Amino acid sequence: MTAPTLARIAEHLDSMLDNSIADSPNALNGVQLANRAPIRRIAAAVDFSRRIVDAVIAADANLLLLHHGMFWKGVQPIRGTVYERLRLLIEHDIAVYASHLPLDAHPTVGNNTLLARALELEPSHGFAMHGDVAIGVRGSSDVQTRTLHDRAIAFARKHGGIARATPFDPARRTMHWGICTGAGADADTLREAEALGLDTLIVGEGPHWTAVDADDAGLVIIYAGHYATETLGVCALAAHLSAEFGVPWTFLPAPTGL
């Protein structure tokens, strides 16, 4: 099979992912850095850093798939570490493609759907509305909240993180749950969870006040780690491209502990 060009892969990704979803101005979903050579190996990572750039080079990959792209912190002068990252990518002819909310929301390779299944839950509806788009998922179950928390702990540990939960009775059962990966606990998701009658909210992380307000909302919140909950989508997307185009792929772990 002939190695695909970046343009061919990008066209496929752009048609697969809904890049029309309103996102952070810094997300810049799509191709963030072009290259010239055909794509010989794909590397997937959650975040963009010098550590990741070095790992891409060591893996001999020339397409980097990111969830949090190159410009996540906003506009910065191209000097120091910012310059070195860019210099190394260009010198090694490495392309970069990023997908934030479109990857979170995707029904088959999205972070939220995949996290639900990793926790042995089956999504039935959308959740965490962003305008008229559901970024997260929700569903019904009959499982001990302690069991669900234990699954989240094991999942987070596997991906270099720690899962925590707001206090709950050991006998408590989770009947109606919602998931929003990453920084998923905020005022909007808590209001939506309460309005829908959810009893358990599973997120990556959230501010302290969300844990304080959880009890008043009748919720238990499981914080399974921002990084850990967003490892799934980039891996699934890279695996999909590998099957579609016959290009090998690798995941570049860089846990933050958060």
Protein backbone atom coordinates (compact mmCIF):
# COMPACT_ATOMS: atom_id res chain seq x y z
CA MET A 1 0.00 0.00 0.00
CA THR A 2 1.32 3.44 -0.95
CA ALA A 3 2.02 5.68 2.04
CA PRO A 4 -0.71 8.35 2.29
CA THR A 5 -0.06 12.07 2.13
CA LEU A 6 -1.01 14.40 4.96
CA ALA A 7 -3.63 15.97 2.70
CA ARG A 8 -5.32 12.61 2.19
CA ILE A 9 -5.36 11.80 5.91
CA ALA A 10 -6.52 15.31 6.82
CA GLU A 11 -9.38 15.12 4.32
CA HIS A 12 -10.49 11.85 5.92
CA LEU A 13 -10.25 13.25 9.45
CA ASP A 14 -12.02 16.49 8.55
CA SER A 15 -14.94 14.53 7.12
CA MET A 16 -15.01 12.15 10.09
CA LEU A 17 -14.79 14.75 12.86
CA ASP A 18 -17.24 17.63 13.23
CA ASN A 19 -14.83 20.56 13.15
CA SER A 20 -17.81 22.94 12.93
CA ILE A 21 -18.38 22.50 16.69
CA ALA A 22 -17.74 25.81 18.42
CA ASP A 23 -14.54 25.35 20.42
CA SER A 24 -11.92 27.34 22.29
CA PRO A 25 -10.16 29.81 19.95
CA ASN A 26 -6.90 28.08 20.92
CA ALA A 27 -8.11 24.63 19.85
CA LEU A 28 -7.55 25.25 16.10
CA ASN A 29 -8.98 21.84 15.20
CA GLY A 30 -7.45 20.30 12.09
CA VAL A 31 -3.98 20.46 10.58
CA GLN A 32 -1.84 22.75 12.75
CA LEU A 33 1.48 22.08 11.04
CA ALA A 34 1.98 20.68 7.55
CA ASN A 35 4.80 18.52 6.25
CA ARG A 36 6.02 17.35 2.83
CA ALA A 37 6.75 13.62 2.97
CA PRO A 38 4.14 10.85 2.89
CA ILE A 39 3.01 9.70 6.34
CA ARG A 40 5.03 6.64 7.42
CA ARG A 41 4.05 6.39 11.12
CA ILE A 42 1.47 8.10 13.35
CA ALA A 43 2.06 9.09 16.97
CA ALA A 44 -0.80 10.00 19.32
CA ALA A 45 -0.58 12.13 22.47
CA VAL A 46 -2.91 14.07 24.73
CA ASP A 47 -0.78 17.20 25.17
CA PHE A 48 1.88 19.10 23.26
CA SER A 49 5.27 19.48 24.93
CA ARG A 50 9.00 19.20 24.25
CA ARG A 51 8.86 15.75 25.82
CA ILE A 52 6.26 14.71 23.25
CA VAL A 53 8.20 16.24 20.34
CA ASP A 54 11.30 14.30 21.38
CA ALA A 55 9.22 11.12 21.66
CA VAL A 56 7.74 11.59 18.17
CA ILE A 57 11.23 11.89 16.74
CA ALA A 58 12.44 8.82 18.67
CA ALA A 59 9.44 6.84 17.37
CA ASP A 60 10.30 7.85 13.78
CA ALA A 61 6.74 9.12 13.31
CA ASN A 62 5.92 12.05 11.05
CA LEU A 63 2.30 12.72 11.98
CA LEU A 64 1.43 13.74 15.54
CA LEU A 65 -2.23 13.48 16.59
CA LEU A 66 -3.07 15.69 19.57
CA HIS A 67 -6.11 16.34 21.75
CA HIS A 68 -4.78 19.59 23.23
CA GLY A 69 -3.02 21.17 20.28
CA MET A 70 0.08 23.27 19.77
CA PHE A 71 -1.61 26.55 20.69
CA TRP A 72 -3.51 25.51 23.82
CA LYS A 73 -1.96 28.28 25.94
CA GLY A 74 -2.73 30.94 23.35
CA VAL A 75 -0.51 33.24 21.34
CA GLN A 76 3.12 33.21 22.48
CA PRO A 77 6.38 34.63 21.13
CA ILE A 78 8.29 32.04 19.10
CA ARG A 79 11.37 31.85 21.28
CA GLY A 80 12.83 29.60 23.95
CA THR A 81 10.91 26.34 24.38
CA VAL A 82 8.22 27.41 21.91
CA TYR A 83 10.86 27.94 19.22
CA GLU A 84 12.63 24.65 19.99
CA ARG A 85 9.44 22.60 19.68
CA LEU A 86 8.59 24.19 16.35
CA ARG A 87 12.17 23.97 15.05
CA LEU A 88 12.39 20.25 15.79
CA LEU A 89 9.03 19.51 14.16
CA ILE A 90 9.97 21.38 10.99
CA GLU A 91 13.50 19.97 10.81
CA HIS A 92 12.13 16.42 11.08
CA ASP A 93 9.22 17.14 8.70
CA ILE A 94 6.58 16.20 11.29
CA ALA A 95 2.97 17.20 10.70
CA VAL A 96 0.51 17.95 13.54
CA TYR A 97 -3.26 17.40 13.57
CA ALA A 98 -5.34 18.35 16.63
CA SER A 99 -8.91 17.57 17.64
CA HIS A 100 -10.45 18.83 20.87
CA LEU A 101 -14.25 18.96 21.27
CA PRO A 102 -14.88 17.13 17.97
CA LEU A 103 -12.94 14.18 19.38
CA ASP A 104 -14.61 14.41 22.78
CA ALA A 105 -18.02 14.25 21.12
CA HIS A 106 -17.45 11.59 18.45
CA PRO A 107 -19.87 8.65 18.83
CA THR A 108 -17.33 5.87 18.14
CA VAL A 109 -13.79 7.15 18.76
CA GLY A 110 -14.74 9.91 21.20
CA ASN A 111 -13.34 10.20 24.72
CA ASN A 112 -16.76 10.15 26.38
CA THR A 113 -18.17 7.09 24.64
CA LEU A 114 -14.94 5.18 25.17
CA LEU A 115 -14.68 6.14 28.86
CA ALA A 116 -18.23 4.92 29.44
CA ARG A 117 -17.36 1.55 27.96
CA ALA A 118 -14.07 1.37 29.85
CA LEU A 119 -16.15 1.73 33.03
CA GLU A 120 -18.57 -0.97 31.81
CA LEU A 121 -21.37 1.53 31.17
CA GLU A 122 -23.47 1.75 28.01
CA PRO A 123 -24.35 5.26 26.75
CA SER A 124 -27.90 5.86 25.58
CA HIS A 125 -28.14 9.65 25.29
CA GLY A 126 -26.00 12.75 24.90
CA PHE A 127 -24.96 14.92 27.85
CA ALA A 128 -22.94 18.06 28.57
CA MET A 129 -24.58 20.22 25.94
CA HIS A 130 -22.36 22.76 24.19
CA GLY A 131 -24.85 24.85 22.27
CA ASP A 132 -26.89 22.24 20.43
CA VAL A 133 -24.10 19.61 20.50
CA ALA A 134 -23.76 16.92 23.19
CA ILE A 135 -20.09 16.63 24.10
CA GLY A 136 -20.62 13.96 26.76
CA VAL A 137 -22.84 10.91 27.20
CA ARG A 138 -25.29 9.60 29.78
CA GLY A 139 -27.21 6.44 30.50
CA SER A 140 -28.88 4.21 33.07
CA SER A 141 -27.41 1.40 35.13
CA ASP A 142 -27.84 -0.45 38.38
CA VAL A 143 -24.39 -0.71 39.88
CA GLN A 144 -22.95 0.05 43.29
CA THR A 145 -21.34 3.48 43.27
CA ARG A 146 -18.41 1.92 45.13
CA THR A 147 -17.93 -0.56 42.25
CA LEU A 148 -18.03 2.27 39.73
CA HIS A 149 -15.52 4.24 41.77
CA ASP A 150 -13.24 1.19 41.96
CA ARG A 151 -13.40 0.86 38.16
CA ALA A 152 -12.48 4.54 37.83
CA ILE A 153 -9.56 4.10 40.23
CA ALA A 154 -8.22 1.16 38.20
CA PHE A 155 -8.70 3.08 34.95
CA ALA A 156 -6.95 6.20 36.22
CA ARG A 157 -4.06 4.19 37.67
CA LYS A 158 -3.55 2.45 34.33
CA HIS A 159 -3.09 5.87 32.71
CA GLY A 160 -0.84 7.39 35.36
CA GLY A 161 -3.51 9.20 37.37
CA ILE A 162 -5.62 9.07 40.51
CA ALA A 163 -9.42 8.88 40.71
CA ARG A 164 -11.28 10.55 43.57
CA ALA A 165 -14.96 10.80 44.46
CA THR A 166 -17.14 12.98 46.65
CA PRO A 167 -18.39 11.15 49.77
CA PHE A 168 -21.07 8.50 49.36
CA ASP A 169 -22.78 5.77 51.37
CA PRO A 170 -21.12 2.38 50.73
CA ALA A 171 -24.54 0.91 49.92
CA ARG A 172 -25.39 3.62 47.40
CA ARG A 173 -26.25 2.55 43.84
CA THR A 174 -25.72 4.48 40.62
CA MET A 175 -28.87 4.41 38.53
CA HIS A 176 -28.52 7.43 36.21
CA TRP A 177 -25.07 8.69 35.26
CA GLY A 178 -23.44 11.27 33.02
CA ILE A 179 -19.89 11.53 31.69
CA CYS A 180 -17.93 14.56 30.52
CA THR A 181 -14.18 13.94 30.19
CA GLY A 182 -11.42 16.45 30.84
CA ALA A 183 -12.48 19.57 32.75
CA GLY A 184 -16.03 18.24 32.80
CA ALA A 185 -17.30 19.49 36.16
CA ASP A 186 -18.56 23.05 35.88
CA ALA A 187 -21.73 25.02 36.59
CA ASP A 188 -23.35 24.01 33.32
CA THR A 189 -22.79 20.26 33.70
CA LEU A 190 -23.94 20.27 37.33
CA ARG A 191 -27.15 22.14 36.41
CA GLU A 192 -27.76 19.79 33.50
CA ALA A 193 -27.11 16.71 35.66
CA GLU A 194 -29.54 17.96 38.30
CA ALA A 195 -32.21 18.81 35.72
CA LEU A 196 -31.93 15.33 34.18
CA GLY A 197 -32.14 13.58 37.54
CA LEU A 198 -28.67 12.07 37.33
CA ASP A 199 -27.23 10.68 40.54
CA THR A 200 -23.59 10.22 39.47
CA LEU A 201 -21.34 12.45 37.38
CA ILE A 202 -18.04 11.13 36.01
CA VAL A 203 -15.51 13.72 34.83
CA GLY A 204 -11.81 14.25 34.46
CA GLU A 205 -11.50 17.12 36.89
CA GLY A 206 -13.36 20.11 38.28
CA PRO A 207 -12.96 23.03 40.68
CA HIS A 208 -13.25 22.48 44.45
CA TRP A 209 -16.68 24.10 44.67
CA THR A 210 -18.17 21.36 42.49
CA ALA A 211 -17.41 18.82 45.21
CA VAL A 212 -18.99 21.15 47.77
CA ASP A 213 -22.16 21.58 45.70
CA ALA A 214 -22.44 17.91 44.69
CA ASP A 215 -24.30 16.84 47.84
CA ASP A 216 -26.89 19.62 47.53
CA ALA A 217 -27.47 18.54 43.91
CA GLY A 218 -27.96 14.90 44.96
CA LEU A 219 -24.85 13.93 43.04
CA VAL A 220 -21.74 11.92 43.59
CA ILE A 221 -18.92 13.19 41.38
CA ILE A 222 -16.12 10.84 40.37
CA TYR A 223 -13.04 12.75 39.22
CA ALA A 224 -11.13 10.20 37.12
CA GLY A 225 -8.32 12.49 35.94
CA HIS A 226 -8.16 15.04 33.12
CA TYR A 227 -5.24 13.35 31.40
CA ALA A 228 -6.42 9.77 31.95
CA THR A 229 -9.93 10.36 30.63
CA GLU A 230 -8.58 11.91 27.44
CA THR A 231 -6.06 9.26 26.46
CA LEU A 232 -8.77 7.15 24.83
CA GLY A 233 -9.81 9.28 21.87
CA VAL A 234 -6.39 9.95 20.36
CA CYS A 235 -5.52 6.24 20.61
CA ALA A 236 -8.79 5.20 18.97
CA LEU A 237 -8.34 7.81 16.24
CA ALA A 238 -4.76 6.69 15.53
CA ALA A 239 -5.86 3.05 15.43
CA HIS A 240 -8.64 3.96 13.01
CA LEU A 241 -6.20 5.74 10.69
CA SER A 242 -3.80 2.81 10.90
CA ALA A 243 -6.53 0.43 9.74
CA GLU A 244 -7.77 2.83 7.08
CA PHE A 245 -4.41 3.73 5.55
CA GLY A 246 -2.11 0.85 6.54
CA VAL A 247 0.22 3.11 8.55
CA PRO A 248 1.58 1.93 11.94
CA TRP A 249 0.86 4.01 15.03
CA THR A 250 2.09 4.42 18.58
CA PHE A 251 0.86 6.17 21.71
CA LEU A 252 3.20 8.57 23.52
CA PRO A 253 2.32 8.56 27.25
CA ALA A 254 3.06 11.68 29.27
CA PRO A 255 0.85 11.55 32.39
CA THR A 256 0.43 14.80 34.30
CA GLY A 257 -1.00 13.21 37.45
CA LEU A 258 -4.03 15.50 37.10
